[in-house]
C-alpha cells in the first residue's frame, strides 16, 4: 500500500498504476514472444554412435515438438565427437552428441558448451588389432602405428591405456584418421592397431575377425548431449522441448529394442549380426540425467589426461565440470 500511496503523491492513482502494471506485463510478454519468434531453426546432429538420435530423427519427434513454435529442424551427421564439437564451436549446430570426456576437454580448451543430457552408457571403444596380429596387450603397442581420431573417447581411452602400461603417446605412432577410416586402415594392414568405435568396431569383429585385445568398460565415458551455451541462455524453453523429445525417443528405444535395431540398420546398412553386437552387448539406454556417476567418470578421464600430459598441469578439471554440466533442462517425470 505504501508504494501505491507514494505513486499517488505524483498524481498517479491506483487505477492508473494498475494500467501501468498491465502494460508492462504485455510488453514483457510481447518481448518474450519476439525472442521466440526470432528463432526459425534448430540445428542438431545425429550419429551412429548415438542410437537414440537415429530414432529421434526417423520418427520426427523433434519436428512435432517445435512445429507449433514455427521452428524448423536441420539435421547434421556427426562422424565423431571431434566433429560434433567442431560444429558446436563454429555455431553450425546448436545441439551435438559426444562422449563426456571429449566434452570436458573441449570446454577446457574454450569451447562454450553445456552438457545437458545422457543418451547412453556405452562400451563403444576398445583397442583393436587384426585377426592374425601378434598384439595381445597394450605394452605390445610400443613402436607400433595406431589409428585414432583425436578429440574423441577412443583417443582418450588409448592415452589412458598407454599410461597404465607405462607408455606415452611418444612410444607409439598415432595415425590420425576419422573412425571409419581407422577401421579401413586396420583391415588393409596400414596400421598395427586401432582405437575403435562402434558400430565400425563391431563390424570389424564380425566381418573380419578383428580382436578387441584391450577392453575396459568403465573407462568409456558416457554418451552426452551438449548445447551451445549462448543458445541455452537465449532459448531455455526450446532446450527443454528438445530434451523432452529426446526422452520420448530414448524410452521408445528401451521399449522397442527390435524397432531400434531396424532404425539403426536402415541408417547404417550394417548386417543385423553387427547391430545385435553393438546394441545388445555394448549399449545401455537406461540413463538420462547427468549425475554423480557421470561426473565421476568424466572427472577420472580428465585427471588421467592431466597425469598423462595431454592436458596442462594447471587444467581445472573439477571446476570445468562444474561449469560444463547443467541438468536443469530435463523435463519433470522423465
Protein backbone atom coordinates (compact mmCIF):
# COMPACT_ATOMS: atom_id res chain seq x y z
CA UNK A 1 0.00 0.00 0.00
CA UNK A 2 2.78 2.47 0.84
CA UNK A 3 4.19 2.17 -2.67
CA UNK A 4 0.77 2.92 -4.20
CA UNK A 5 0.35 5.94 -1.95
CA UNK A 6 3.76 7.23 -2.98
CA UNK A 7 2.72 6.98 -6.64
CA UNK A 8 -0.48 8.90 -5.75
CA UNK A 9 1.61 11.82 -4.48
CA UNK A 10 2.95 12.19 -8.01
CA UNK A 11 -0.56 12.24 -9.49
CA UNK A 12 -0.86 8.54 -10.35
CA UNK A 13 -3.94 6.86 -8.86
CA UNK A 14 -4.46 3.18 -8.19
CA UNK A 15 -6.38 2.54 -11.41
CA UNK A 16 -3.67 4.22 -13.48
CA UNK A 17 -0.97 2.31 -11.63
CA UNK A 18 -2.79 -0.94 -12.38
CA UNK A 19 -2.86 0.06 -16.02
CA UNK A 20 0.87 0.69 -15.96
CA UNK A 21 1.49 -2.76 -14.49
CA UNK A 22 -0.72 -4.41 -17.11
CA UNK A 23 1.04 -2.53 -19.87
CA UNK A 24 4.43 -3.56 -18.54
CA UNK A 25 3.30 -7.18 -18.41
CA UNK A 26 2.10 -7.02 -22.01
CA UNK A 27 5.39 -5.51 -23.09
CA UNK A 28 7.30 -8.28 -21.30
CA UNK A 29 5.14 -10.95 -22.94
CA UNK A 30 5.48 -9.40 -26.37
CA UNK A 31 9.25 -9.18 -25.85
CA UNK A 32 9.45 -12.88 -24.93
CA UNK A 33 7.32 -13.74 -27.95
CA UNK A 34 9.63 -11.71 -30.15
CA UNK A 35 12.64 -13.61 -28.85
CA UNK A 36 10.91 -16.93 -29.52
CA UNK A 37 9.77 -15.83 -32.98
CA UNK A 38 13.33 -14.81 -33.86
CA UNK A 39 14.31 -18.49 -33.75
CA UNK A 40 13.39 -20.08 -37.06
CA UNK A 41 15.56 -23.19 -36.97
CA UNK A 42 17.24 -25.61 -34.59
CA UNK A 43 20.31 -27.45 -35.90
CA UNK A 44 21.06 -30.79 -34.25
CA UNK A 45 23.32 -33.71 -35.02
CA UNK A 46 22.65 -37.39 -35.48
CA UNK A 47 25.31 -40.07 -35.25
CA UNK A 48 25.68 -43.84 -35.46
CA UNK A 49 27.38 -43.77 -32.05
CA UNK A 50 24.16 -42.25 -30.69
CA UNK A 51 21.33 -44.71 -31.48
CA UNK A 52 18.71 -42.53 -29.78
CA UNK A 53 19.40 -39.72 -32.25
CA UNK A 54 18.50 -42.06 -35.11
CA UNK A 55 15.10 -42.79 -33.55
CA UNK A 56 14.55 -39.09 -32.87
CA UNK A 57 15.28 -38.22 -36.49
CA UNK A 58 13.36 -41.06 -38.14
CA UNK A 59 10.19 -40.56 -36.11
CA UNK A 60 10.14 -36.78 -36.49
CA UNK A 61 9.61 -36.29 -32.76
CA UNK A 62 11.55 -33.04 -32.59
CA UNK A 63 9.78 -31.62 -35.62
CA UNK A 64 6.43 -32.31 -33.94
CA UNK A 65 7.59 -30.72 -30.67
CA UNK A 66 8.72 -27.49 -32.35
CA UNK A 67 6.09 -27.23 -35.06
CA UNK A 68 3.70 -25.08 -33.02
CA UNK A 69 6.50 -22.57 -32.45
CA UNK A 70 7.17 -22.32 -36.17
CA UNK A 71 10.70 -23.70 -35.69
CA UNK A 72 12.24 -25.95 -38.32
CA UNK A 73 14.78 -28.70 -37.60
CA UNK A 74 18.01 -29.12 -39.54
CA UNK A 75 19.87 -32.42 -39.11
CA UNK A 76 23.66 -32.69 -39.46
CA UNK A 77 25.52 -36.00 -39.29
CA UNK A 78 28.48 -36.21 -36.92
CA UNK A 79 31.25 -38.70 -37.70
CA UNK A 80 32.68 -38.46 -34.17
CA UNK A 81 32.80 -36.35 -31.01
CA UNK A 82 35.51 -34.22 -32.58
CA UNK A 83 33.24 -33.28 -35.49
CA UNK A 84 30.24 -32.57 -33.25
CA UNK A 85 32.42 -30.31 -31.10
CA UNK A 86 33.81 -28.51 -34.16
CA UNK A 87 30.25 -27.89 -35.36
CA UNK A 88 29.18 -26.60 -31.94
CA UNK A 89 32.17 -24.30 -31.65
CA UNK A 90 31.52 -22.89 -35.12
CA UNK A 91 27.82 -22.38 -34.38
CA UNK A 92 26.79 -24.61 -37.27
CA UNK A 93 24.77 -26.81 -34.90
CA UNK A 94 23.00 -25.97 -31.64
CA UNK A 95 22.99 -29.48 -30.13
CA UNK A 96 25.72 -32.11 -30.54
CA UNK A 97 26.28 -35.63 -29.19
CA UNK A 98 29.71 -36.54 -27.84
CA UNK A 99 31.48 -38.59 -25.24
CA UNK A 100 31.57 -36.95 -21.82
CA UNK A 101 35.37 -36.85 -21.75
CA UNK A 102 35.51 -35.17 -25.16
CA UNK A 103 33.07 -32.50 -23.99
CA UNK A 104 35.25 -31.85 -20.93
CA UNK A 105 38.42 -31.42 -22.98
CA UNK A 106 36.59 -29.13 -25.40
CA UNK A 107 35.31 -26.96 -22.54
CA UNK A 108 38.80 -26.76 -21.01
CA UNK A 109 40.04 -25.63 -24.42
CA UNK A 110 37.46 -22.85 -24.58
CA UNK A 111 34.51 -24.39 -26.44
CA UNK A 112 31.46 -22.70 -24.82
CA UNK A 113 29.14 -25.70 -24.42
CA UNK A 114 26.89 -27.12 -21.75
CA UNK A 115 26.40 -30.87 -21.20
CA UNK A 116 22.71 -31.36 -20.51
CA UNK A 117 21.64 -34.98 -21.09
CA UNK A 118 22.78 -38.61 -21.14
CA UNK A 119 21.74 -40.58 -24.22
CA UNK A 120 23.64 -43.81 -23.50
CA UNK A 121 26.03 -45.69 -21.28
CA UNK A 122 28.14 -47.42 -23.91
CA UNK A 123 31.14 -49.62 -24.17
CA UNK A 124 31.76 -48.12 -27.57
CA UNK A 125 35.55 -48.16 -27.65
CA UNK A 126 38.34 -50.70 -27.21
CA UNK A 127 41.78 -51.27 -28.67
CA UNK A 128 41.57 -53.41 -31.77
CA UNK A 129 44.09 -55.48 -33.73
CA UNK A 130 43.78 -57.62 -36.83
CA UNK A 131 42.73 -61.26 -36.68
CA UNK A 132 46.24 -62.64 -37.06
CA UNK A 133 48.09 -59.84 -35.26
CA UNK A 134 50.61 -60.83 -32.55
CA UNK A 135 49.46 -57.86 -30.47
CA UNK A 136 47.70 -59.10 -27.34
CA UNK A 137 48.26 -56.38 -24.74
CA UNK A 138 48.79 -52.64 -24.57
CA UNK A 139 52.54 -52.97 -23.95
CA UNK A 140 52.81 -54.60 -27.39
CA UNK A 141 51.94 -51.25 -28.98
CA UNK A 142 55.39 -49.79 -28.31
CA UNK A 143 56.84 -48.65 -31.63
CA UNK A 144 53.61 -49.53 -33.48
CA UNK A 145 51.26 -47.47 -35.68
CA UNK A 146 47.85 -46.91 -34.12
CA UNK A 147 44.90 -45.31 -35.91
CA UNK A 148 42.98 -42.87 -33.73
CA UNK A 149 40.55 -39.98 -34.02
CA UNK A 150 41.88 -37.07 -31.98
CA UNK A 151 39.49 -35.42 -29.53
CA UNK A 152 37.21 -38.43 -29.10
CA UNK A 153 36.59 -41.04 -26.40
CA UNK A 154 38.69 -43.65 -28.29
CA UNK A 155 41.62 -41.18 -28.30
CA UNK A 156 41.27 -40.54 -24.58
CA UNK A 157 40.79 -44.28 -23.94
CA UNK A 158 44.03 -45.00 -25.83
CA UNK A 159 46.00 -42.38 -23.90
CA UNK A 160 44.79 -43.78 -20.59
CA UNK A 161 45.55 -47.36 -21.63
CA UNK A 162 49.09 -46.41 -22.64
CA UNK A 163 49.66 -44.64 -19.33
CA UNK A 164 48.52 -47.70 -17.37
CA UNK A 165 51.02 -49.78 -19.36
CA UNK A 166 53.84 -47.33 -18.61
CA UNK A 167 53.82 -45.86 -22.12
CA UNK A 168 53.07 -42.43 -23.56
CA UNK A 169 51.98 -41.17 -26.95
CA UNK A 170 55.70 -40.76 -27.72
CA UNK A 171 56.12 -44.54 -27.58
CA UNK A 172 53.66 -45.19 -30.42
CA UNK A 173 52.92 -43.58 -33.76
CA UNK A 174 49.45 -42.03 -33.82
CA UNK A 175 47.90 -42.14 -37.29
CA UNK A 176 45.13 -39.53 -37.19
CA UNK A 177 42.06 -40.70 -39.06
CA UNK A 178 38.29 -40.49 -38.66
CA UNK A 179 36.77 -43.62 -37.14
CA UNK A 180 35.61 -45.29 -40.36
CA UNK A 181 38.97 -44.63 -42.00
CA UNK A 182 40.74 -46.09 -38.96
CA UNK A 183 38.82 -49.32 -39.35
CA UNK A 184 39.71 -49.39 -43.07
CA UNK A 185 43.40 -48.75 -42.32
CA UNK A 186 43.44 -51.66 -39.88
CA UNK A 187 41.77 -54.03 -42.33
CA UNK A 188 44.28 -53.09 -45.06
CA UNK A 189 47.25 -53.52 -42.74
CA UNK A 190 48.23 -49.85 -42.95
CA UNK A 191 48.30 -49.65 -39.14
CA UNK A 192 49.04 -52.19 -36.43
CA UNK A 193 46.12 -51.32 -34.18
CA UNK A 194 43.11 -49.04 -33.96
CA UNK A 195 41.35 -47.22 -31.13
CA UNK A 196 37.96 -48.41 -32.29
CA UNK A 197 34.44 -47.06 -32.13
CA UNK A 198 31.13 -48.82 -32.64
CA UNK A 199 29.45 -49.63 -34.93
CA UNK A 200 32.60 -49.80 -37.08
CA UNK A 201 34.35 -51.78 -34.33
CA UNK A 202 31.56 -54.38 -34.16
CA UNK A 203 31.63 -54.64 -37.95
CA UNK A 204 35.40 -55.27 -37.92
CA UNK A 205 34.91 -58.06 -35.35
CA UNK A 206 32.08 -59.79 -37.18
CA UNK A 207 33.17 -59.29 -40.77
CA UNK A 208 36.96 -59.52 -40.48
CA UNK A 209 37.64 -61.36 -37.23
CA UNK A 210 39.33 -58.34 -35.68
CA UNK A 211 40.11 -58.82 -32.00
CA UNK A 212 39.50 -56.45 -29.13
CA UNK A 213 42.74 -57.02 -27.25
CA UNK A 214 42.13 -54.38 -24.58
CA UNK A 215 38.74 -53.61 -23.09
CA UNK A 216 37.83 -51.54 -20.05
CA UNK A 217 34.12 -50.67 -19.99
CA UNK A 218 34.36 -48.25 -17.07
CA UNK A 219 36.89 -46.13 -18.99
CA UNK A 220 34.29 -45.46 -21.70
CA UNK A 221 32.74 -42.14 -20.71
CA UNK A 222 29.04 -41.60 -21.17
CA UNK A 223 27.19 -40.54 -24.31
CA UNK A 224 26.33 -36.90 -23.64
CA UNK A 225 24.17 -34.36 -25.46
CA UNK A 226 25.60 -30.84 -25.45
CA UNK A 227 24.17 -27.44 -26.33
CA UNK A 228 25.85 -24.16 -27.18
CA UNK A 229 25.88 -22.09 -24.02
CA UNK A 230 24.56 -18.93 -25.67
CA UNK A 231 21.71 -20.88 -27.29
CA UNK A 232 20.69 -22.32 -23.90
CA UNK A 233 20.68 -18.85 -22.34
CA UNK A 234 18.60 -17.34 -25.14
CA UNK A 235 16.17 -20.24 -25.65
CA UNK A 236 15.81 -22.28 -22.43
CA UNK A 237 12.27 -23.38 -23.28
CA UNK A 238 13.40 -24.71 -26.64
CA UNK A 239 16.18 -26.67 -24.92
CA UNK A 240 13.58 -28.25 -22.64
CA UNK A 241 11.46 -29.23 -25.64
CA UNK A 242 14.47 -30.81 -27.34
CA UNK A 243 15.20 -32.89 -24.26
CA UNK A 244 11.55 -33.89 -23.88
CA UNK A 245 11.65 -35.19 -27.46
CA UNK A 246 14.95 -36.98 -26.74
CA UNK A 247 13.35 -38.61 -23.72
CA UNK A 248 10.44 -39.80 -25.82
CA UNK A 249 12.88 -41.35 -28.30
CA UNK A 250 15.02 -42.95 -25.57
CA UNK A 251 12.01 -44.50 -23.84
CA UNK A 252 10.69 -45.80 -27.16
CA UNK A 253 14.09 -47.35 -27.89
CA UNK A 254 14.10 -49.08 -24.49
CA UNK A 255 10.61 -50.45 -25.00
CA UNK A 256 11.22 -51.46 -28.63
CA UNK A 257 14.73 -52.94 -28.95
CA UNK A 258 13.90 -54.67 -32.22
CA UNK A 259 12.49 -51.45 -33.59
CA UNK A 260 15.63 -49.62 -32.53
CA UNK A 261 17.74 -52.14 -34.42
CA UNK A 262 15.58 -51.72 -37.51
CA UNK A 263 16.09 -47.95 -37.39
CA UNK A 264 19.82 -48.48 -36.90
CA UNK A 265 20.13 -50.90 -39.80
CA UNK A 266 18.18 -48.55 -42.07
CA UNK A 267 20.72 -45.77 -41.46
CA UNK A 268 23.97 -47.74 -41.25
CA UNK A 269 23.17 -50.51 -43.78
CA UNK A 270 25.03 -52.88 -41.45
CA UNK A 271 24.11 -56.56 -41.10
CA UNK A 272 21.81 -57.45 -38.22
CA UNK A 273 24.52 -59.54 -36.55
CA UNK A 274 26.74 -56.45 -36.30
CA UNK A 275 23.93 -54.29 -34.93
CA UNK A 276 22.97 -57.01 -32.43
CA UNK A 277 26.50 -56.94 -31.06
CA UNK A 278 26.53 -53.17 -30.57
CA UNK A 279 23.00 -52.73 -29.24
CA UNK A 280 22.63 -55.91 -27.16
CA UNK A 281 26.14 -56.21 -25.75
CA UNK A 282 27.59 -52.71 -25.59
CA UNK A 283 24.79 -50.13 -25.36
CA UNK A 284 22.73 -49.27 -22.28
CA UNK A 285 19.96 -46.68 -22.61
CA UNK A 286 18.55 -46.60 -19.07
CA UNK A 287 20.04 -43.24 -18.04
CA UNK A 288 19.22 -39.65 -18.93
CA UNK A 289 20.35 -37.48 -16.01
CA UNK A 290 23.93 -36.23 -15.71
CA UNK A 291 24.55 -37.04 -12.08
CA UNK A 292 27.29 -38.33 -9.80
CA UNK A 293 28.25 -41.45 -11.82
CA UNK A 294 28.69 -39.43 -14.99
CA UNK A 295 30.60 -36.70 -13.22
CA UNK A 296 32.94 -39.22 -11.60
CA UNK A 297 33.61 -40.99 -14.90
CA UNK A 298 34.33 -37.78 -16.77
CA UNK A 299 36.49 -36.36 -13.98
CA UNK A 300 38.53 -39.58 -13.85
CA UNK A 301 39.19 -39.22 -17.58
CA UNK A 302 40.20 -35.57 -17.14
CA UNK A 303 42.52 -36.34 -14.23
CA UNK A 304 44.13 -39.14 -16.26
CA UNK A 305 44.72 -36.78 -19.18
CA UNK A 306 46.40 -34.27 -16.87
CA UNK A 307 48.61 -37.03 -15.45
CA UNK A 308 49.49 -38.15 -18.98
CA UNK A 309 50.41 -34.61 -20.01
CA UNK A 310 47.67 -34.39 -22.65
CA UNK A 311 46.04 -31.61 -20.63
CA UNK A 312 48.21 -28.98 -18.95
CA UNK A 313 49.12 -29.49 -15.31
CA UNK A 314 47.09 -26.44 -14.34
CA UNK A 315 43.89 -27.62 -16.04
CA UNK A 316 40.98 -27.13 -13.64
CA UNK A 317 39.13 -30.39 -14.24
CA UNK A 318 36.64 -30.25 -11.37
CA UNK A 319 35.93 -26.55 -11.81
CA UNK A 320 35.39 -27.01 -15.52
CA UNK A 321 32.99 -29.88 -14.86
CA UNK A 322 31.00 -27.61 -12.53
CA UNK A 323 30.57 -25.18 -15.41
CA UNK A 324 30.08 -27.82 -18.11
CA UNK A 325 27.36 -29.97 -16.56
CA UNK A 326 23.90 -28.40 -16.43
CA UNK A 327 20.98 -30.83 -15.89
CA UNK A 328 18.30 -28.17 -15.30
CA UNK A 329 16.60 -28.61 -18.68
CA UNK A 330 15.40 -32.19 -18.24
CA UNK A 331 11.60 -32.47 -18.20
CA UNK A 332 9.84 -33.42 -14.97
CA UNK A 333 8.73 -37.05 -14.70
CA UNK A 334 11.40 -38.23 -17.10
